């Protein structure tokens, strides 16, 4: 991978209604066979502002530039891989539900405003964003197709361990969780994410920063049985009250931040053991799929030709 580490000092600008104007469109980078122009960066910045529903000032510019380029780079690399494997199918219902979720999280539904109208207000190209969402869903399909044979878990062991837990404790605890996964992280990136969580909320930050498959759902994992959670995660989750966010958890080369949305306890008489077994098995498979997704992307990124122009 060839990278010219040159800062993006290519735009002298002022913010006006969260958009950029009168920008000369020129090539500022190349990722693989695709070019990235000033317009692409500007549009991506306006997209970020639309998704966080906030204005920005000049001191945010460098940070937004870096986030924008990283997002565009990831989209190009994923799209190239999707095209290589000729992945064309995706679930349109999932895409529509994702957009509806964003509209709800941004409070647009209450204002009777669509996400497309929100993008127009911020000068962002909605069609480009929607295509990026579709690429992420196709990417998830690709990763599943490539690694599904490696997602097997020891179901008999899971059932046996669950049975022992129920006999011993007579109850099962479940947590409703969300996550933000950061790969290739450093302290500056972690500080940006923490600041974004404070200013924009967990869901919007997950949409922007998280490298997990769950990022397409605002980081939502949903209800997870305590038995399916690794001891490293569970130790931190048990410290949290509802709506609280964990300290960063180091997992291999990644950082994971967990939000406890809710929790509940089922007594033995109310347990649906078959359903609980299914949840544990699915969660174990999702964890593996997430690892494969991150690893596959990082390998592609290392091999990609990336050149940034002055």
C-alpha atoms as a PDB file:
ATOM      1  CA  UNK A   1       0.000   0.000   0.000  1.00  0.00           C
ATOM      2  CA  UNK A   2       1.372   3.334  -1.018  1.00  0.00           C
ATOM      3  CA  UNK A   3       0.325   6.246   1.147  1.00  0.00           C
ATOM      4  CA  UNK A   4       1.602   9.773   0.900  1.00  0.00           C
ATOM      5  CA  UNK A   5       1.002  11.199   4.332  1.00  0.00           C
ATOM      6  CA  UNK A   6      -0.022  14.688   3.333  1.00  0.00           C
ATOM      7  CA  UNK A   7      -2.605  16.685   5.258  1.00  0.00           C
ATOM      8  CA  UNK A   8      -5.714  17.786   3.405  1.00  0.00           C
ATOM      9  CA  UNK A   9      -4.936  21.497   3.128  1.00  0.00           C
ATOM     10  CA  UNK A  10      -6.983  21.744  -0.034  1.00  0.00           C
ATOM     11  CA  UNK A  11      -9.988  23.828   0.950  1.00  0.00           C
ATOM     12  CA  UNK A  12     -10.227  27.340   2.370  1.00  0.00           C
ATOM     13  CA  UNK A  13     -13.807  27.564   3.402  1.00  0.00           C
ATOM     14  CA  UNK A  14     -16.505  29.033   5.514  1.00  0.00           C
ATOM     15  CA  UNK A  15     -19.554  27.231   6.789  1.00  0.00           C
ATOM     16  CA  UNK A  16     -22.914  28.582   5.693  1.00  0.00           C
ATOM     17  CA  UNK A  17     -25.971  26.615   6.713  1.00  0.00           C
ATOM     18  CA  UNK A  18     -23.690  23.596   7.208  1.00  0.00           C
ATOM     19  CA  UNK A  19     -22.683  23.414   3.529  1.00  0.00           C
ATOM     20  CA  UNK A  20     -19.643  24.313   1.491  1.00  0.00           C
ATOM     21  CA  UNK A  21     -19.892  26.514  -1.556  1.00  0.00           C
ATOM     22  CA  UNK A  22     -17.744  27.530  -4.516  1.00  0.00           C
ATOM     23  CA  UNK A  23     -15.279  24.687  -4.110  1.00  0.00           C
ATOM     24  CA  UNK A  24     -13.082  23.897  -7.098  1.00  0.00           C
ATOM     25  CA  UNK A  25     -13.560  20.214  -7.837  1.00  0.00           C
ATOM     26  CA  UNK A  26     -10.195  18.514  -8.146  1.00  0.00           C
ATOM     27  CA  UNK A  27      -8.759  15.059  -7.538  1.00  0.00           C
ATOM     28  CA  UNK A  28      -7.309  14.828  -4.065  1.00  0.00           C
ATOM     29  CA  UNK A  29      -6.803  11.067  -3.703  1.00  0.00           C
ATOM     30  CA  UNK A  30      -6.953   7.720  -5.432  1.00  0.00           C
ATOM     31  CA  UNK A  31      -8.142   4.470  -3.842  1.00  0.00           C
ATOM     32  CA  UNK A  32      -7.555   1.506  -6.102  1.00  0.00           C
ATOM     33  CA  UNK A  33      -8.896   2.543  -9.491  1.00  0.00           C
ATOM     34  CA  UNK A  34     -11.319   5.085  -8.024  1.00  0.00           C
ATOM     35  CA  UNK A  35     -10.638   8.787  -7.566  1.00  0.00           C
ATOM     36  CA  UNK A  36     -11.719  10.941  -4.651  1.00  0.00           C
ATOM     37  CA  UNK A  37     -12.424  14.591  -5.366  1.00  0.00           C
ATOM     38  CA  UNK A  38     -13.004  17.713  -3.316  1.00  0.00           C
ATOM     39  CA  UNK A  39     -16.691  17.301  -4.037  1.00  0.00           C
ATOM     40  CA  UNK A  40     -16.685  13.798  -2.538  1.00  0.00           C
ATOM     41  CA  UNK A  41     -15.042  15.032   0.668  1.00  0.00           C
ATOM     42  CA  UNK A  42     -17.385  18.019   0.952  1.00  0.00           C
ATOM     43  CA  UNK A  43     -20.423  15.834   0.355  1.00  0.00           C
ATOM     44  CA  UNK A  44     -19.250  13.317   2.954  1.00  0.00           C
ATOM     45  CA  UNK A  45     -18.708  16.079   5.516  1.00  0.00           C
ATOM     46  CA  UNK A  46     -22.205  17.417   4.885  1.00  0.00           C
ATOM     47  CA  UNK A  47     -23.498  13.843   5.222  1.00  0.00           C
ATOM     48  CA  UNK A  48     -21.824  13.534   8.625  1.00  0.00           C
ATOM     49  CA  UNK A  49     -23.400  16.812   9.719  1.00  0.00           C
ATOM     50  CA  UNK A  50     -26.817  15.675   8.480  1.00  0.00           C
ATOM     51  CA  UNK A  51     -26.535  12.363  10.351  1.00  0.00           C
ATOM     52  CA  UNK A  52     -25.472  14.072  13.568  1.00  0.00           C
ATOM     53  CA  UNK A  53     -27.963  16.909  13.031  1.00  0.00           C
ATOM     54  CA  UNK A  54     -25.477  19.546  14.086  1.00  0.00           C
ATOM     55  CA  UNK A  55     -23.687  22.570  12.793  1.00  0.00           C
ATOM     56  CA  UNK A  56     -19.918  22.696  12.598  1.00  0.00           C
ATOM     57  CA  UNK A  57     -17.307  25.389  12.892  1.00  0.00           C
ATOM     58  CA  UNK A  58     -13.805  25.716  11.491  1.00  0.00           C
ATOM     59  CA  UNK A  59     -12.142  23.953  14.409  1.00  0.00           C
ATOM     60  CA  UNK A  60     -14.039  20.784  13.475  1.00  0.00           C
ATOM     61  CA  UNK A  61     -12.847  20.859   9.884  1.00  0.00           C
ATOM     62  CA  UNK A  62      -9.676  18.749  10.088  1.00  0.00           C
ATOM     63  CA  UNK A  63     -11.419  16.079  12.162  1.00  0.00           C
ATOM     64  CA  UNK A  64     -14.347  15.971   9.730  1.00  0.00           C
ATOM     65  CA  UNK A  65     -11.947  15.738   6.769  1.00  0.00           C
ATOM     66  CA  UNK A  66     -10.266  12.688   8.248  1.00  0.00           C
ATOM     67  CA  UNK A  67     -13.566  10.979   9.077  1.00  0.00           C
ATOM     68  CA  UNK A  68     -14.917  11.773   5.597  1.00  0.00           C
ATOM     69  CA  UNK A  69     -11.899  10.366   3.763  1.00  0.00           C
ATOM     70  CA  UNK A  70     -11.836   7.252   5.943  1.00  0.00           C
ATOM     71  CA  UNK A  71     -15.525   6.658   5.206  1.00  0.00           C
ATOM     72  CA  UNK A  72     -15.096   7.119   1.447  1.00  0.00           C
ATOM     73  CA  UNK A  73     -12.024   4.881   1.409  1.00  0.00           C
ATOM     74  CA  UNK A  74     -13.876   2.115   3.226  1.00  0.00           C
ATOM     75  CA  UNK A  75     -16.857   2.376   0.886  1.00  0.00           C
ATOM     76  CA  UNK A  76     -14.651   2.123  -2.211  1.00  0.00           C
ATOM     77  CA  UNK A  77     -12.697  -0.865  -0.903  1.00  0.00           C
ATOM     78  CA  UNK A  78     -15.860  -2.707   0.102  1.00  0.00           C
ATOM     79  CA  UNK A  79     -17.596  -1.940  -3.193  1.00  0.00           C
ATOM     80  CA  UNK A  80     -14.604  -3.213  -5.177  1.00  0.00           C
ATOM     81  CA  UNK A  81     -14.678  -6.497  -3.270  1.00  0.00           C
ATOM     82  CA  UNK A  82     -18.456  -6.809  -3.677  1.00  0.00           C
ATOM     83  CA  UNK A  83     -18.127  -6.326  -7.431  1.00  0.00           C
ATOM     84  CA  UNK A  84     -15.312  -8.881  -7.579  1.00  0.00           C
ATOM     85  CA  UNK A  85     -17.626 -11.493  -6.075  1.00  0.00           C
ATOM     86  CA  UNK A  86     -20.624 -10.231  -8.090  1.00  0.00           C
ATOM     87  CA  UNK A  87     -22.806  -9.685  -5.009  1.00  0.00           C
ATOM     88  CA  UNK A  88     -26.012  -8.043  -6.202  1.00  0.00           C
ATOM     89  CA  UNK A  89     -28.692  -9.152  -3.764  1.00  0.00           C
ATOM     90  CA  UNK A  90     -29.628  -7.409  -0.539  1.00  0.00           C
ATOM     91  CA  UNK A  91     -32.723  -7.208   1.618  1.00  0.00           C
ATOM     92  CA  UNK A  92     -34.616  -4.038   0.703  1.00  0.00           C
ATOM     93  CA  UNK A  93     -36.769  -4.356   3.811  1.00  0.00           C
ATOM     94  CA  UNK A  94     -33.627  -4.235   5.989  1.00  0.00           C
ATOM     95  CA  UNK A  95     -32.471  -1.092   4.164  1.00  0.00           C
ATOM     96  CA  UNK A  96     -35.856   0.590   4.605  1.00  0.00           C
ATOM     97  CA  UNK A  97     -35.925  -0.333   8.292  1.00  0.00           C
ATOM     98  CA  UNK A  98     -32.432   1.070   8.704  1.00  0.00           C
ATOM     99  CA  UNK A  99     -33.460   4.408   7.154  1.00  0.00           C
ATOM    100  CA  UNK A 100     -36.599   4.513   9.315  1.00  0.00           C
ATOM    101  CA  UNK A 101     -34.438   3.858  12.364  1.00  0.00           C
ATOM    102  CA  UNK A 102     -32.202   6.795  11.477  1.00  0.00           C
ATOM    103  CA  UNK A 103     -35.215   9.066  10.955  1.00  0.00           C
ATOM    104  CA  UNK A 104     -36.530   8.069  14.356  1.00  0.00           C
ATOM    105  CA  UNK A 105     -33.176   8.503  16.111  1.00  0.00           C
ATOM    106  CA  UNK A 106     -32.739  11.957  14.566  1.00  0.00           C
ATOM    107  CA  UNK A 107     -36.242  12.985  15.630  1.00  0.00           C
ATOM    108  CA  UNK A 108     -37.255  13.530  12.006  1.00  0.00           C
ATOM    109  CA  UNK A 109     -40.417  11.437  12.188  1.00  0.00           C
ATOM    110  CA  UNK A 110     -41.812  13.711  14.887  1.00  0.00           C
ATOM    111  CA  UNK A 111     -41.077  16.689  12.641  1.00  0.00           C
ATOM    112  CA  UNK A 112     -42.628  14.942   9.618  1.00  0.00           C
ATOM    113  CA  UNK A 113     -39.298  15.247   7.769  1.00  0.00           C
ATOM    114  CA  UNK A 114     -37.731  12.446   5.724  1.00  0.00           C
ATOM    115  CA  UNK A 115     -34.034  11.616   5.806  1.00  0.00           C
ATOM    116  CA  UNK A 116     -33.836  12.692   2.172  1.00  0.00           C
ATOM    117  CA  UNK A 117     -35.192  16.128   3.122  1.00  0.00           C
ATOM    118  CA  UNK A 118     -32.724  16.270   6.013  1.00  0.00           C
ATOM    119  CA  UNK A 119     -29.870  15.670   3.585  1.00  0.00           C
ATOM    120  CA  UNK A 120     -31.134  18.408   1.303  1.00  0.00           C
ATOM    121  CA  UNK A 121     -31.122  20.839   4.231  1.00  0.00           C
ATOM    122  CA  UNK A 122     -27.451  20.062   4.850  1.00  0.00           C
ATOM    123  CA  UNK A 123     -26.403  20.059   1.192  1.00  0.00           C
ATOM    124  CA  UNK A 124     -25.620  16.331   1.181  1.00  0.00           C
ATOM    125  CA  UNK A 125     -26.335  13.861  -1.620  1.00  0.00           C
ATOM    126  CA  UNK A 126     -28.902  11.387  -0.280  1.00  0.00           C
ATOM    127  CA  UNK A 127     -28.551   8.985  -3.221  1.00  0.00           C
ATOM    128  CA  UNK A 128     -24.812   8.614  -2.613  1.00  0.00           C
ATOM    129  CA  UNK A 129     -25.483   7.893   1.072  1.00  0.00           C
ATOM    130  CA  UNK A 130     -28.204   5.354   0.278  1.00  0.00           C
ATOM    131  CA  UNK A 131     -25.855   3.541  -2.093  1.00  0.00           C
ATOM    132  CA  UNK A 132     -23.308   3.389   0.740  1.00  0.00           C
ATOM    133  CA  UNK A 133     -25.923   1.824   3.037  1.00  0.00           C
ATOM    134  CA  UNK A 134     -26.711  -0.779   0.377  1.00  0.00           C
ATOM    135  CA  UNK A 135     -22.993  -1.510  -0.033  1.00  0.00           C
ATOM    136  CA  UNK A 136     -22.764  -2.261   3.700  1.00  0.00           C
ATOM    137  CA  UNK A 137     -25.671  -4.698   3.511  1.00  0.00           C
ATOM    138  CA  UNK A 138     -24.148  -6.379   0.460  1.00  0.00           C
ATOM    139  CA  UNK A 139     -20.828  -6.532   2.328  1.00  0.00           C
ATOM    140  CA  UNK A 140     -22.510  -8.355   5.221  1.00  0.00           C
ATOM    141  CA  UNK A 141     -23.969 -10.833   2.710  1.00  0.00           C
ATOM    142  CA  UNK A 142     -20.536 -11.322   1.169  1.00  0.00           C
ATOM    143  CA  UNK A 143     -18.835 -11.977   4.500  1.00  0.00           C
ATOM    144  CA  UNK A 144     -21.516 -14.487   5.450  1.00  0.00           C
ATOM    145  CA  UNK A 145     -21.186 -16.304   2.114  1.00  0.00           C
ATOM    146  CA  UNK A 146     -17.395 -16.487   2.461  1.00  0.00           C
ATOM    147  CA  UNK A 147     -17.221 -17.598   6.084  1.00  0.00           C
ATOM    148  CA  UNK A 148     -20.507 -19.356   6.851  1.00  0.00           C
ATOM    149  CA  UNK A 149     -18.786 -22.760   7.041  1.00  0.00           C
ATOM    150  CA  UNK A 150     -16.536 -21.416   9.775  1.00  0.00           C
ATOM    151  CA  UNK A 151     -19.388 -20.137  11.935  1.00  0.00           C
ATOM    152  CA  UNK A 152     -20.134 -23.498  13.538  1.00  0.00           C
ATOM    153  CA  UNK A 153     -20.206 -23.546  17.333  1.00  0.00           C
ATOM    154  CA  UNK A 154     -20.387 -26.429  19.779  1.00  0.00           C
ATOM    155  CA  UNK A 155     -24.150 -26.458  20.277  1.00  0.00           C
ATOM    156  CA  UNK A 156     -24.100 -29.514  22.545  1.00  0.00           C
ATOM    157  CA  UNK A 157     -21.618 -27.816  24.882  1.00  0.00           C
ATOM    158  CA  UNK A 158     -23.723 -24.631  24.931  1.00  0.00           C
ATOM    159  CA  UNK A 159     -26.862 -26.595  25.828  1.00  0.00           C
ATOM    160  CA  UNK A 160     -25.032 -28.536  28.524  1.00  0.00           C
ATOM    161  CA  UNK A 161     -23.557 -25.394  30.104  1.00  0.00           C
ATOM    162  CA  UNK A 162     -26.937 -23.644  30.009  1.00  0.00           C
ATOM    163  CA  UNK A 163     -28.607 -26.584  31.707  1.00  0.00           C
ATOM    164  CA  UNK A 164     -26.016 -26.506  34.489  1.00  0.00           C
ATOM    165  CA  UNK A 165     -26.508 -22.769  34.996  1.00  0.00           C
ATOM    166  CA  UNK A 166     -30.289 -23.090  35.252  1.00  0.00           C
ATOM    167  CA  UNK A 167     -29.997 -25.952  37.743  1.00  0.00           C
ATOM    168  CA  UNK A 168     -27.518 -23.976  39.826  1.00  0.00           C
ATOM    169  CA  UNK A 169     -28.977 -20.469  39.744  1.00  0.00           C
ATOM    170  CA  UNK A 170     -32.636 -21.052  38.840  1.00  0.00           C
ATOM    171  CA  UNK A 171     -32.617 -17.881  36.719  1.00  0.00           C
ATOM    172  CA  UNK A 172     -31.253 -16.333  33.563  1.00  0.00           C
ATOM    173  CA  UNK A 173     -30.177 -12.701  33.138  1.00  0.00           C
ATOM    174  CA  UNK A 174     -30.395 -10.912  29.787  1.00  0.00           C
ATOM    175  CA  UNK A 175     -28.897  -7.591  28.725  1.00  0.00           C
ATOM    176  CA  UNK A 176     -29.999  -5.303  25.909  1.00  0.00           C
ATOM    177  CA  UNK A 177     -26.723  -3.978  24.522  1.00  0.00           C
ATOM    178  CA  UNK A 178     -25.269  -1.696  21.887  1.00  0.00           C
ATOM    179  CA  UNK A 179     -21.628  -1.545  20.848  1.00  0.00           C
ATOM    180  CA  UNK A 180     -19.028   0.562  19.111  1.00  0.00           C
ATOM    181  CA  UNK A 181     -16.038  -1.360  17.758  1.00  0.00           C
ATOM    182  CA  UNK A 182     -12.898   0.560  16.774  1.00  0.00           C
ATOM    183  CA  UNK A 183     -10.174  -1.117  14.763  1.00  0.00           C
ATOM    184  CA  UNK A 184      -6.776   0.447  14.039  1.00  0.00           C
ATOM    185  CA  UNK A 185      -7.486   2.797  16.907  1.00  0.00           C
ATOM    186  CA  UNK A 186      -5.249   5.316  18.603  1.00  0.00           C
ATOM    187  CA  UNK A 187      -5.830   7.662  21.528  1.00  0.00           C
ATOM    188  CA  UNK A 188      -6.824  10.571  19.292  1.00  0.00           C
ATOM    189  CA  UNK A 189      -9.469   8.480  17.542  1.00  0.00           C
ATOM    190  CA  UNK A 190     -10.730   7.170  20.871  1.00  0.00           C
ATOM    191  CA  UNK A 191     -10.997  10.731  22.207  1.00  0.00           C
ATOM    192  CA  UNK A 192     -12.975  11.739  19.101  1.00  0.00           C
ATOM    193  CA  UNK A 193     -15.389   8.872  19.646  1.00  0.00           C
ATOM    194  CA  UNK A 194     -15.871   9.707  23.327  1.00  0.00           C
ATOM    195  CA  UNK A 195     -16.559  13.321  22.436  1.00  0.00           C
ATOM    196  CA  UNK A 196     -19.003  12.279  19.723  1.00  0.00           C
ATOM    197  CA  UNK A 197     -20.878  10.045  22.188  1.00  0.00           C
ATOM    198  CA  UNK A 198     -21.245  13.003  24.566  1.00  0.00           C
ATOM    199  CA  UNK A 199     -22.321  15.445  21.854  1.00  0.00           C
ATOM    200  CA  UNK A 200     -24.200  13.249  19.363  1.00  0.00           C
ATOM    201  CA  UNK A 201     -25.285  10.206  21.339  1.00  0.00           C
ATOM    202  CA  UNK A 202     -24.290   6.564  21.117  1.00  0.00           C
ATOM    203  CA  UNK A 203     -26.389   5.596  18.079  1.00  0.00           C
ATOM    204  CA  UNK A 204     -25.147   8.395  15.821  1.00  0.00           C
ATOM    205  CA  UNK A 205     -21.569   7.754  16.900  1.00  0.00           C
ATOM    206  CA  UNK A 206     -21.905   4.045  16.129  1.00  0.00           C
ATOM    207  CA  UNK A 207     -23.225   4.905  12.666  1.00  0.00           C
ATOM    208  CA  UNK A 208     -20.203   7.117  12.008  1.00  0.00           C
ATOM    209  CA  UNK A 209     -17.337   5.311  13.680  1.00  0.00           C
ATOM    210  CA  UNK A 210     -18.088   1.670  14.489  1.00  0.00           C
ATOM    211  CA  UNK A 211     -16.391  -1.063  12.467  1.00  0.00           C
ATOM    212  CA  UNK A 212     -18.838  -3.707  13.638  1.00  0.00           C
ATOM    213  CA  UNK A 213     -21.536  -5.385  11.542  1.00  0.00           C
ATOM    214  CA  UNK A 214     -23.963  -3.846  14.055  1.00  0.00           C
ATOM    215  CA  UNK A 215     -23.017  -0.334  12.871  1.00  0.00           C
ATOM    216  CA  UNK A 216     -25.817  -0.539  10.284  1.00  0.00           C
ATOM    217  CA  UNK A 217     -28.214  -0.744  13.242  1.00  0.00           C
ATOM    218  CA  UNK A 218     -26.732   2.119  15.226  1.00  0.00           C
ATOM    219  CA  UNK A 219     -24.597  -0.351  17.162  1.00  0.00           C
ATOM    220  CA  UNK A 220     -27.598  -2.285  18.460  1.00  0.00           C
ATOM    221  CA  UNK A 221     -26.915  -5.897  19.436  1.00  0.00           C
ATOM    222  CA  UNK A 222     -30.297  -6.445  21.088  1.00  0.00           C
ATOM    223  CA  UNK A 223     -31.055  -8.838  23.933  1.00  0.00           C
ATOM    224  CA  UNK A 224     -28.130 -11.041  24.862  1.00  0.00           C
ATOM    225  CA  UNK A 225     -28.140 -13.856  27.405  1.00  0.00           C
ATOM    226  CA  UNK A 226     -25.438 -13.364  30.027  1.00  0.00           C
ATOM    227  CA  UNK A 227     -24.161 -16.880  29.394  1.00  0.00           C
ATOM    228  CA  UNK A 228     -23.286 -15.966  25.801  1.00  0.00           C
ATOM    229  CA  UNK A 229     -21.152 -12.984  26.828  1.00  0.00           C
ATOM    230  CA  UNK A 230     -17.413 -13.417  27.277  1.00  0.00           C
ATOM    231  CA  UNK A 231     -16.106 -12.933  30.804  1.00  0.00           C
ATOM    232  CA  UNK A 232     -14.111  -9.888  29.697  1.00  0.00           C
ATOM    233  CA  UNK A 233     -17.257  -8.110  28.471  1.00  0.00           C
ATOM    234  CA  UNK A 234     -19.515  -9.378  31.247  1.00  0.00           C
ATOM    235  CA  UNK A 235     -17.198  -8.024  33.922  1.00  0.00           C
ATOM    236  CA  UNK A 236     -17.640  -4.499  32.526  1.00  0.00           C
ATOM    237  CA  UNK A 237     -21.363  -4.841  31.787  1.00  0.00           C
ATOM    238  CA  UNK A 238     -22.121  -5.845  35.378  1.00  0.00           C
ATOM    239  CA  UNK A 239     -20.681  -2.495  36.532  1.00  0.00           C
ATOM    240  CA  UNK A 240     -23.209  -0.545  34.465  1.00  0.00           C
ATOM    241  CA  UNK A 241     -26.626   0.830  35.269  1.00  0.00           C
ATOM    242  CA  UNK A 242     -29.240   1.225  32.534  1.00  0.00           C
ATOM    243  CA  UNK A 243     -28.183   3.693  29.786  1.00  0.00           C
ATOM    244  CA  UNK A 244     -24.603   3.816  31.083  1.00  0.00           C
ATOM    245  CA  UNK A 245     -21.602   3.304  28.804  1.00  0.00           C
ATOM    246  CA  UNK A 246     -18.583   1.156  29.617  1.00  0.00           C
ATOM    247  CA  UNK A 247     -14.994   2.173  29.670  1.00  0.00           C
ATOM    248  CA  UNK A 248     -13.144   1.138  26.486  1.00  0.00           C
ATOM    249  CA  UNK A 249     -12.487  -2.612  26.458  1.00  0.00           C
ATOM    250  CA  UNK A 250      -9.351  -3.778  24.664  1.00  0.00           C
ATOM    251  CA  UNK A 251      -9.967  -6.921  22.611  1.00  0.00           C
ATOM    252  CA  UNK A 252      -6.977  -8.035  20.537  1.00  0.00           C
ATOM    253  CA  UNK A 253      -6.229  -4.980  18.355  1.00  0.00           C
ATOM    254  CA  UNK A 254      -9.691  -3.475  18.766  1.00  0.00           C
ATOM    255  CA  UNK A 255     -11.425  -1.249  21.259  1.00  0.00           C
ATOM    256  CA  UNK A 256     -15.038  -2.016  22.194  1.00  0.00           C
ATOM    257  CA  UNK A 257     -17.407   0.367  23.981  1.00  0.00           C
ATOM    258  CA  UNK A 258     -20.629  -1.148  25.342  1.00  0.00           C
ATOM    259  CA  UNK A 259     -23.886   0.613  26.214  1.00  0.00           C
ATOM    260  CA  UNK A 260     -26.319  -1.105  28.572  1.00  0.00           C
ATOM    261  CA  UNK A 261     -29.779  -0.225  27.273  1.00  0.00           C
ATOM    262  CA  UNK A 262     -31.792  -2.482  29.585  1.00  0.00           C
ATOM    263  CA  UNK A 263     -31.678  -5.729  31.530  1.00  0.00           C
ATOM    264  CA  UNK A 264     -34.117  -8.365  32.746  1.00  0.00           C
ATOM    265  CA  UNK A 265     -34.153 -11.573  34.766  1.00  0.00           C
ATOM    266  CA  UNK A 266     -36.177 -14.692  34.011  1.00  0.00           C
ATOM    267  CA  UNK A 267     -36.936 -17.154  36.804  1.00  0.00           C
ATOM    268  CA  UNK A 268     -36.854 -20.877  36.076  1.00  0.00           C
ATOM    269  CA  UNK A 269     -40.638 -21.155  35.689  1.00  0.00           C
ATOM    270  CA  UNK A 270     -40.671 -18.481  32.982  1.00  0.00           C
ATOM    271  CA  UNK A 271     -37.732 -19.734  30.962  1.00  0.00           C
ATOM    272  CA  UNK A 272     -38.035 -20.705  27.314  1.00  0.00           C
ATOM    273  CA  UNK A 273     -34.905 -22.852  27.266  1.00  0.00           C
ATOM    274  CA  UNK A 274     -35.047 -23.544  23.523  1.00  0.00           C
ATOM    275  CA  UNK A 275     -35.264 -19.824  22.739  1.00  0.00           C
ATOM    276  CA  UNK A 276     -32.393 -19.031  25.111  1.00  0.00           C
ATOM    277  CA  UNK A 277     -30.241 -21.731  23.499  1.00  0.00           C
ATOM    278  CA  UNK A 278     -30.988 -20.222  20.098  1.00  0.00           C
ATOM    279  CA  UNK A 279     -29.993 -16.739  21.293  1.00  0.00           C
ATOM    280  CA  UNK A 280     -26.692 -17.972  22.701  1.00  0.00           C
ATOM    281  CA  UNK A 281     -25.847 -19.896  19.532  1.00  0.00           C
ATOM    282  CA  UNK A 282     -26.747 -16.948  17.278  1.00  0.00           C
ATOM    283  CA  UNK A 283     -24.701 -14.550  19.395  1.00  0.00           C
ATOM    284  CA  UNK A 284     -21.638 -16.783  19.221  1.00  0.00           C
ATOM    285  CA  UNK A 285     -21.990 -16.939  15.431  1.00  0.00           C
ATOM    286  CA  UNK A 286     -22.437 -13.156  15.178  1.00  0.00           C
ATOM    287  CA  UNK A 287     -19.238 -12.623  17.160  1.00  0.00           C
ATOM    288  CA  UNK A 288     -17.347 -14.850  14.752  1.00  0.00           C
ATOM    289  CA  UNK A 289     -18.901 -13.117  11.751  1.00  0.00           C
ATOM    290  CA  UNK A 290     -17.834  -9.756  13.146  1.00  0.00           C
ATOM    291  CA  UNK A 291     -14.252 -10.956  13.522  1.00  0.00           C
ATOM    292  CA  UNK A 292     -14.215 -12.272   9.954  1.00  0.00           C
ATOM    293  CA  UNK A 293     -15.673  -9.010   8.625  1.00  0.00           C
ATOM    294  CA  UNK A 294     -13.049  -6.844  10.320  1.00  0.00           C
ATOM    295  CA  UNK A 295     -10.200  -9.170   9.359  1.00  0.00           C
ATOM    296  CA  UNK A 296     -11.315  -9.400   5.727  1.00  0.00           C
ATOM    297  CA  UNK A 297     -11.563  -5.630   5.392  1.00  0.00           C
ATOM    298  CA  UNK A 298      -8.184  -4.983   7.031  1.00  0.00           C
ATOM    299  CA  UNK A 299      -6.502  -7.426   4.650  1.00  0.00           C
ATOM    300  CA  UNK A 300      -8.055  -5.610   1.688  1.00  0.00           C
ATOM    301  CA  UNK A 301      -7.029  -2.219   3.044  1.00  0.00           C
ATOM    302  CA  UNK A 302      -3.417  -3.351   3.464  1.00  0.00           C
ATOM    303  CA  UNK A 303      -3.287  -4.443  -0.186  1.00  0.00           C
ATOM    304  CA  UNK A 304      -5.124  -1.420  -1.573  1.00  0.00           C
ATOM    305  CA  UNK A 305      -3.304   1.252  -3.534  1.00  0.00           C
ATOM    306  CA  UNK A 306      -4.031   4.536  -1.768  1.00  0.00           C
ATOM    307  CA  UNK A 307      -2.498   7.817  -2.873  1.00  0.00           C
ATOM    308  CA  UNK A 308      -3.294  11.225  -1.420  1.00  0.00           C
ATOM    309  CA  UNK A 309      -2.385  14.272  -3.458  1.00  0.00           C
ATOM    310  CA  UNK A 310      -1.383  17.674  -2.204  1.00  0.00           C
END
